[in-house]
Structure formats: structure tokens, C-alpha cells
Amino acid sequence: MRPDPQPGRNLEKFAHYTRSWMRPDSEEDAGEFRVWETEHGPPSHSVPPHLLVKAARRAGGDEAARALSARLFEAYFSENLDITDDATMRQLWEDAGLDEAAFDHTRDEDLLQEVLEEHRSALEYGVTGVPAVMLEGNDVPITGAHPRTLYRRWIDRTLAQREAAGSEAD
């Protein structure tokens, strides 16, 4: 997660970094990932897409926010679009079927402060990127694009540990 803009990021270095996406892409039930092959981006920072999802929640509720979030991941990981670009964000907003006038929520100072506070909180847990997942009762996050098998093993191991701890308490 990068809350501050980093204009002029090196596109070649970023494209090289995206080769790591091929690991989760190789899974049978994975989403689509593509090594960065376009002239777009890379994204300058993480605040604009986070604001976009918060604005979608405000404009259309949880379902709209989930739809837009899924569309952002698709645009970034499989279409190689700069999801911090205003025109791209507007198009994704439209793709999610949200009211064009409600796009102005992305400029709301209260939502910006909410995103920045969530960023600060995430850093306290060691989260440094997106996606990031934490299990309730487990203070170790998994950050970045990973194979689903990694998440499944993590969940299964955690459930087994909790079950064992519950058995020992009996």
C-alpha cells in the first residue's frame, strides 16, 4: 500500500515485479493475472482505488462496493490498467453501474481521512500491500497476490489449532 503518490515509477521495474503474479495465476481456480504488458501505469499509489470503493459503498451500498472492488482487481491484475488514473477510475465506476454524479464522493475529505486512518491501522498489523487478509483472532496478515491454496492451508491450519486448543480446554 502506498498512500502517497509516486509519479514516474519505473515501468520496466514494475513489469518485472508483476512476473510474481504468475504463481497465483498458475492455479486452476485462480483469477486471471497477466504480467504488465501495457503502456499504462503503473499505478501511482493506493489511495484513489480505496477512495473509489468507499465512494461506491456510499453511493450504492455494500453490493456496489464489492462489484467495484472486483472490477478494480480485474482491471489491475488482468488488464494492466492504471487504476489511479482518473479516466480509468471513471470508466470502472460506470462499469459497476454507479451513478455518474456520485463519482464526486471520491473527492470527499471525510472519506479520504477514513482511507488514511485505515492505512495507518493496516501498517500497525504489518500490512504493506493489497490484497491483504487477516483471520479473526490471528494477528498475522497475508499480503499480496498468492495462490488460493496458501489461503486454504492457512485457514485449515488455524481451524485445526483452534479445535485442538478447544479440546485441550475441555
Protein backbone atom coordinates (compact mmCIF):
# COMPACT_ATOMS: atom_id res chain seq x y z
CA MET A 1 0.00 0.00 0.00
CA ARG A 2 1.35 3.35 -0.98
CA PRO A 3 -0.69 6.23 0.43
CA ASP A 4 1.49 8.90 -1.17
CA PRO A 5 1.74 9.40 -4.93
CA GLN A 6 4.91 8.17 -6.58
CA PRO A 7 4.68 9.66 -10.08
CA GLY A 8 7.13 8.46 -12.66
CA ARG A 9 7.60 4.98 -11.20
CA ASN A 10 9.80 2.85 -13.41
CA LEU A 11 7.51 0.90 -15.72
CA GLU A 12 10.18 -1.67 -16.61
CA LYS A 13 10.90 -2.47 -12.94
CA PHE A 14 7.20 -2.67 -12.23
CA ALA A 15 6.62 -5.05 -15.18
CA HIS A 16 9.43 -7.24 -13.84
CA TYR A 17 7.78 -7.26 -10.39
CA THR A 18 4.48 -8.41 -11.92
CA ARG A 19 6.09 -11.67 -13.01
CA SER A 20 5.43 -12.77 -9.41
CA TRP A 21 1.74 -12.78 -10.30
CA MET A 22 2.26 -15.88 -12.43
CA ARG A 23 2.40 -18.05 -9.33
CA PRO A 24 -1.21 -17.43 -8.30
CA ASP A 25 -2.19 -17.39 -11.99
CA SER A 26 -0.99 -20.97 -12.40
CA GLU A 27 -3.68 -22.27 -10.06
CA GLU A 28 -6.69 -23.99 -11.52
CA ASP A 29 -9.24 -21.83 -9.70
CA ALA A 30 -7.26 -18.57 -9.80
CA GLY A 31 -8.42 -15.33 -11.22
CA GLU A 32 -6.67 -14.03 -14.28
CA PHE A 33 -3.25 -12.45 -13.80
CA ARG A 34 -1.08 -11.01 -16.53
CA VAL A 35 2.49 -9.74 -16.48
CA TRP A 36 2.30 -5.99 -17.07
CA GLU A 37 2.44 -5.57 -20.84
CA THR A 38 0.79 -2.23 -21.47
CA GLU A 39 1.97 1.35 -21.60
CA HIS A 40 -0.47 2.20 -18.78
CA GLY A 41 0.74 2.99 -15.30
CA PRO A 42 1.99 1.64 -13.08
CA PRO A 43 -0.47 2.96 -10.50
CA SER A 44 0.98 5.89 -8.59
CA HIS A 45 -0.42 4.98 -5.16
CA SER A 46 -3.21 3.11 -3.43
CA VAL A 47 -5.43 5.91 -2.14
CA PRO A 48 -7.50 6.57 -5.31
CA PRO A 49 -8.79 2.98 -5.69
CA HIS A 50 -9.54 2.75 -1.97
CA LEU A 51 -11.47 6.01 -2.18
CA LEU A 52 -13.30 4.71 -5.22
CA VAL A 53 -14.56 1.65 -3.32
CA LYS A 54 -15.58 3.74 -0.30
CA ALA A 55 -17.42 6.17 -2.59
CA ALA A 56 -19.16 3.22 -4.26
CA ARG A 57 -20.30 1.96 -0.85
CA ARG A 58 -21.69 5.40 -0.09
CA ALA A 59 -23.40 5.68 -3.48
CA GLY A 60 -24.71 2.15 -3.87
CA GLY A 61 -24.16 0.12 -0.72
CA ASP A 62 -22.06 -2.95 0.03
CA GLU A 63 -23.01 -4.76 -3.17
CA ALA A 64 -21.84 -1.83 -5.32
CA ALA A 65 -18.59 -1.63 -3.35
CA ARG A 66 -17.95 -5.37 -3.82
CA ALA A 67 -18.68 -5.15 -7.54
CA LEU A 68 -16.37 -2.18 -7.99
CA SER A 69 -13.65 -3.80 -5.90
CA ALA A 70 -13.79 -6.93 -8.06
CA ARG A 71 -13.67 -4.76 -11.17
CA LEU A 72 -10.60 -2.89 -9.82
CA PHE A 73 -8.71 -6.15 -9.22
CA GLU A 74 -9.61 -7.34 -12.72
CA ALA A 75 -8.52 -4.05 -14.29
CA TYR A 76 -5.23 -4.08 -12.40
CA PHE A 77 -4.16 -7.74 -12.44
CA SER A 78 -5.54 -8.94 -15.77
CA GLU A 79 -5.99 -5.81 -17.90
CA ASN A 80 -2.88 -3.96 -16.71
CA LEU A 81 -4.72 -0.67 -16.28
CA ASP A 82 -3.52 2.20 -14.12
CA ILE A 83 -6.30 2.14 -11.55
CA THR A 84 -5.16 5.51 -10.18
CA ASP A 85 -5.84 7.29 -13.47
CA ASP A 86 -8.95 9.48 -13.26
CA ALA A 87 -10.33 8.43 -16.66
CA THR A 88 -9.81 4.75 -15.84
CA MET A 89 -11.49 5.15 -12.45
CA ARG A 90 -14.46 6.88 -14.08
CA GLN A 91 -14.78 4.04 -16.59
CA LEU A 92 -14.64 1.41 -13.83
CA TRP A 93 -17.27 3.40 -11.92
CA GLU A 94 -19.52 3.27 -14.99
CA ASP A 95 -18.75 -0.43 -15.49
CA ALA A 96 -20.09 -1.04 -11.98
CA GLY A 97 -23.33 0.72 -12.95
CA LEU A 98 -22.92 3.56 -10.48
CA ASP A 99 -24.48 6.98 -10.95
CA GLU A 100 -22.03 9.28 -12.72
CA ALA A 101 -22.83 12.22 -10.43
CA ALA A 102 -21.99 10.14 -7.35
CA PHE A 103 -18.37 9.83 -8.57
CA ASP A 104 -17.81 13.15 -6.77
CA HIS A 105 -17.83 11.18 -3.48
CA THR A 106 -14.24 10.21 -4.37
CA ARG A 107 -13.25 13.79 -3.56
CA ASP A 108 -14.85 13.75 -0.11
CA GLU A 109 -12.37 14.78 2.59
CA ASP A 110 -14.07 12.58 5.21
CA LEU A 111 -13.64 9.50 3.01
CA LEU A 112 -10.01 10.42 2.40
CA GLN A 113 -9.38 10.65 6.14
CA GLU A 114 -11.10 7.27 6.60
CA VAL A 115 -8.83 5.68 3.97
CA LEU A 116 -5.72 7.22 5.53
CA GLU A 117 -6.74 6.04 9.01
CA GLU A 118 -7.32 2.53 7.71
CA HIS A 119 -3.90 2.68 6.08
CA ARG A 120 -2.28 3.66 9.39
CA SER A 121 -4.12 0.86 11.14
CA ALA A 122 -3.08 -1.67 8.48
CA LEU A 123 0.56 -0.67 8.89
CA GLU A 124 0.29 -1.43 12.61
CA TYR A 125 -0.58 -5.01 11.66
CA GLY A 126 2.28 -5.20 9.15
CA VAL A 127 0.11 -4.91 6.05
CA THR A 128 2.14 -3.41 3.22
CA GLY A 129 0.07 -4.17 0.12
CA VAL A 130 -3.21 -5.33 -1.36
CA PRO A 131 -4.95 -7.59 -1.23
CA ALA A 132 -4.44 -8.22 2.48
CA VAL A 133 -6.24 -10.84 4.54
CA MET A 134 -6.34 -11.44 8.28
CA LEU A 135 -8.25 -14.09 10.17
CA GLU A 136 -10.17 -13.04 13.23
CA GLY A 137 -8.09 -13.88 16.27
CA ASN A 138 -4.88 -14.12 14.22
CA ASP A 139 -2.69 -11.03 14.13
CA VAL A 140 -0.56 -12.09 11.16
CA PRO A 141 -1.75 -10.83 7.76
CA ILE A 142 -1.16 -12.36 4.34
CA THR A 143 -0.39 -9.57 1.90
CA GLY A 144 -0.25 -9.61 -1.88
CA ALA A 145 -1.45 -11.90 -4.65
CA HIS A 146 -0.99 -15.52 -3.57
CA PRO A 147 -2.31 -18.89 -4.70
CA ARG A 148 -5.64 -19.80 -3.16
CA THR A 149 -4.05 -22.97 -1.79
CA LEU A 150 -1.98 -20.78 0.52
CA TYR A 151 -5.15 -19.23 1.96
CA ARG A 152 -6.80 -22.63 2.27
CA ARG A 153 -3.81 -24.09 4.14
CA TRP A 154 -3.74 -21.04 6.42
CA ILE A 155 -7.44 -21.31 7.23
CA ASP A 156 -7.31 -25.10 7.69
CA ARG A 157 -4.26 -24.85 9.97
CA THR A 158 -5.85 -22.08 12.02
CA LEU A 159 -9.12 -24.01 12.41
CA ALA A 160 -7.21 -27.14 13.42
CA GLN A 161 -5.22 -25.17 16.00
CA ARG A 162 -8.38 -23.64 17.41
CA GLU A 163 -10.09 -27.02 17.54
CA ALA A 164 -7.09 -28.54 19.32
CA ALA A 165 -6.98 -25.65 21.79
CA GLY A 166 -10.71 -26.12 22.42
CA SER A 167 -10.24 -29.87 23.02
CA GLU A 168 -7.43 -29.19 25.49
CA ALA A 169 -9.66 -26.79 27.41
CA ASP A 170 -12.32 -29.47 27.91
